[in-house]
Amino acid sequence: MTEFADAPYRFFREGTVRGRALIEAQSAADQAQIRDAVEQAVKSAHGPEGPWRIPLPSIVVVARKPA
């Protein structure tokens, strides 16, 4: 659950190195437009008022060193 409609944007920007690099490569105006578009998409899909339960994809990788 999140109180922020821009949570997916924040996750992408603050949670991954590549995401941050992609976002920061944009102008401030474009960053604002991206964030606004994400907020509108969340509100369209999950309702106009939070808190929102927004599913985010994840991948878990497990590895073992061969004996």
Protein backbone atom coordinates (compact mmCIF):
# COMPACT_ATOMS: atom_id res chain seq x y z
CA MET A 1 0.00 0.00 0.00
CA THR A 2 1.19 3.48 -0.73
CA GLU A 3 -0.04 6.97 -0.08
CA PHE A 4 1.78 8.23 -3.19
CA ALA A 5 0.31 7.92 -6.68
CA ASP A 6 3.80 8.37 -8.11
CA ALA A 7 5.18 5.35 -6.19
CA PRO A 8 6.09 3.41 -9.37
CA TYR A 9 8.02 6.46 -10.62
CA ARG A 10 9.81 6.77 -7.27
CA PHE A 11 10.58 3.05 -7.22
CA PHE A 12 12.03 3.19 -10.73
CA ARG A 13 14.04 6.38 -10.02
CA GLU A 14 15.27 5.53 -6.55
CA GLY A 15 15.29 1.74 -6.67
CA THR A 16 17.43 0.97 -9.70
CA VAL A 17 20.67 2.40 -11.06
CA ARG A 18 19.50 2.15 -14.67
CA GLY A 19 16.12 3.66 -13.87
CA ARG A 20 17.74 6.60 -12.14
CA ALA A 21 20.13 7.12 -15.06
CA LEU A 22 17.25 7.07 -17.56
CA ILE A 23 15.17 9.54 -15.56
CA GLU A 24 18.04 11.90 -14.75
CA ALA A 25 19.02 12.04 -18.43
CA GLN A 26 15.70 13.83 -19.07
CA SER A 27 15.14 17.55 -18.67
CA ALA A 28 13.40 18.73 -15.49
CA ALA A 29 10.26 19.44 -17.52
CA ASP A 30 10.28 15.94 -19.04
CA GLN A 31 10.85 14.36 -15.62
CA ALA A 32 7.79 16.21 -14.32
CA GLN A 33 5.73 15.05 -17.31
CA ILE A 34 6.81 11.44 -16.75
CA ARG A 35 5.94 11.62 -13.05
CA ASP A 36 2.56 13.20 -13.86
CA ALA A 37 1.82 10.51 -16.45
CA VAL A 38 2.60 7.78 -13.90
CA GLU A 39 0.34 9.44 -11.32
CA GLN A 40 -2.50 9.66 -13.83
CA ALA A 41 -2.04 6.01 -14.85
CA VAL A 42 -2.20 4.91 -11.20
CA LYS A 43 -5.32 6.96 -10.56
CA SER A 44 -6.96 5.64 -13.75
CA ALA A 45 -6.22 2.04 -12.89
CA HIS A 46 -6.67 2.11 -9.10
CA GLY A 47 -8.99 5.00 -8.29
CA PRO A 48 -8.57 8.74 -7.76
CA GLU A 49 -7.75 8.60 -4.04
CA GLY A 50 -5.23 6.55 -2.08
CA PRO A 51 -3.94 4.67 -0.43
CA TRP A 52 -3.26 2.50 -3.45
CA ARG A 53 -2.24 -1.13 -3.70
CA ILE A 54 0.04 -1.05 -6.73
CA PRO A 55 1.52 -4.34 -7.93
CA LEU A 56 5.18 -4.03 -8.88
CA PRO A 57 7.04 -6.79 -10.71
CA SER A 58 9.99 -8.39 -9.02
CA ILE A 59 12.53 -11.07 -9.78
CA VAL A 60 14.30 -13.20 -7.21
CA VAL A 61 17.48 -14.95 -8.27
CA VAL A 62 19.15 -17.68 -6.24
CA ALA A 63 22.46 -19.27 -7.14
CA ARG A 64 24.87 -21.77 -5.64
CA LYS A 65 28.52 -22.14 -6.28
CA PRO A 66 29.27 -25.62 -7.65
CA ALA A 67 30.97 -27.89 -5.12
